[in-house]
Amino acid sequence: MDRSIVYPGQVPLSEQILTGEKNKMIGLAFMAQAVLGTATVVDGLVATPMTPATLSFQVGPGQIYELENVDTTAYGTVALDVAHSIVKQGINQDTSTFTLTPPGTAGYAINYLVQASLVEADTGSTTLPYFNSANPTIPFTGPNNSGTAQPTLRSCSVALSIKGGVAATSGTQATPAPDVGYVGLYVVTVPYGATTITSSNITVYSTAPFLSLKLPNVPTWVQAGNYAWGVDTGTANAMVTALTPAPMALTQGLRAFIKKGASANTGAVTLNVNGLGAVAVLDSTGAALASGALTGNFLLHAVYDGTSWRAVNGSYTSTTVSSITAMSGEGITVDGTNKVNLNYPGLTADTPTALDLMSFYDNEGSHHKSISWANLLTAISGGLQTGLLNVSVVTSSGTWTKTAGAKKALVFATAGGGGGAGRSGFRSGGGGAGATAIAFVDLTAISTVSVSVGGGGAGGTNSFGSDGSATSFGSYAVAGGGKGGGYGSTSPAATTEGPGGPGGIATVGLMLCGGSPGSSGERYDGGAGGNSFWGGGGRGGDDTLYGAPGGVGTAMGAGGGGSDYAINTSGSPGGAGADGGILILEFA
């Protein structure tokens, strides 16, 4: 900001004094422009009824910021400056009162527009003393002793005026447009026969440029999300809402969170935000919404793409499935909501019979198979001839010592499950389950066995999930750990899915059971962790919770679930894979 320089003993020049005042104005103007921009902004100037109420109302103190020429006329001895424009501040320190007249026709009403503009004027005229060189003790009165009065203040204030519309049948009267150089602030509606003006008669003009938020309140306001929140006041298929502050236009990337009205849609849906026009609401892929896609009171997250609103979330409906047949290649594809709910009936404890089946994943064949308990035992040992002596589970690496009298052992060695992926804004896949190697060991010449128990992989935080570790029971059973889940495309409409981690591979044992792979992350949901021989894959993060992490593996060697698609600074973590372990059944 420029500053004038004066020197000791110098005769002060009027240009130096006035230029200093001008430079201060320009400096403040540029600071206001940096904060508010160049569009007209109004603060204060609150319209309220009189107390007691009459046909008058008042507009309180306030200010207006407006882009204007630096000086349209000479500023004292400083020349005019219309080559540059700055944001000027007009201030009203006092309250202004206005009285309105009702229409003279019964059933009619009239809208009055309160409009404002910045006005600059030279005021404070007075006759000033001037230096008299002939007799310095007696000053001249006015320039050249002419007695002429001169302005002493260039004021900048708010010009307020009332512009009446045309009286018409109540409800049909129109509000006049602001005059050139003015902005509309309020509409005051006065019906026939009115004797008072109350708060209900005064509304803010639709494009009034009021400063709706002060700088210290911005962090709290942004944190609360008030600027994007709206409540639907329309009908089932024609949603209407108002955001605060009102957007000046629909621009690409504008987002809104809207609580829908009580009625579900029955067909195509439109959304009108702050009177900017009814625009189609489509799903995230750009397709029309199906009937019932937006249920009553549903919280809609919509983003404007330049031509329509895209619903980035949607309602889900559940369907009862009587049966599911797993085919070669494994996996179920569900269109529409991309979500399947499997409802298991209540489980009760029971003793398996020879015909009961156990499922396992055939890693080489890449699909599930089943085997009966009788065939499992036959395959392991040709039929057990002795009784069960002891059952133990080993959960840490070290040396296993057999129980006295044990001659045979049925060993289930399960490796650690892979962790689910987790990254902000990415689809995250679930971790693969650890493999299980089943061995039947002759203990007659064995007292101890060196064991290694694999840990589960950690869930990813803004990263792929970690791999699970291998588990081994000496050289009799060796199972590989499940791999960590990955993440895919950042776009919910893209086809790249967050890959699930492959299941672990068993390499040594009588029966080699590969771990199930983790599910891919689809749309906004994280992929589920793969089931181990014992089940328990971690659930995938559910986007309806927005920011849900993946679930941890809940059974030995199970994979952790991938996190949902939530966008935040830290990312939602994937679920950890479950640690491996060794189940040992000893027989006498």
Foldseek 3Di string as FASTA:
>chain_A
DDAADDDPPDDDDPCNVVVRVLVVQQVVQVVCCVVPNADKEWEAQDWFADVVFFQKIKTAWTKMWHKAFSAPQADVPRGGGRPDITTGMATDHGMDMDGDDADPDAQKKKKKWKKKAKDKDQADWDFDWAADPVDRVDTATHVVNPVGTDGDDTHIHMDIDIDIFDIDRPPPTDYDADDPRIHTFWIFMHHPPDGGGHPVRIDGDLPHRYPPDDDVCVVVCVVVVQQQEWEFPDDQAETETEGVPGDPAQDAFRKHWYFYAQAHHQFWHWYQYSNRDTFTEDEQQRHGDHGRFAHHRRTFIWGDHGRHIYGLATDDDADDDPDDDADQQGDDADPDRRDHDDDDPDDDDDDFDQADKAKFADQVRNGIDIDGPVVVCCLAPVDDDFDWDDKDKFFAWDKDFDDPPFFKKWKKWWWWWWWWEWAALWAIWWWWFWKIAIAMDGCPPPGMWGWHWWAWWAWHWNFWTAWIQWIDTHQAWIIGTIHTWATWDSRLNDDTWGGWTFWIWIDHHSDIGTTHTWATGHRFWWTWWTQYSPGQTWGIADCVVALGETGERDDARTITTHYTNHHDDGIRTTYITGIHMMMMTTTD
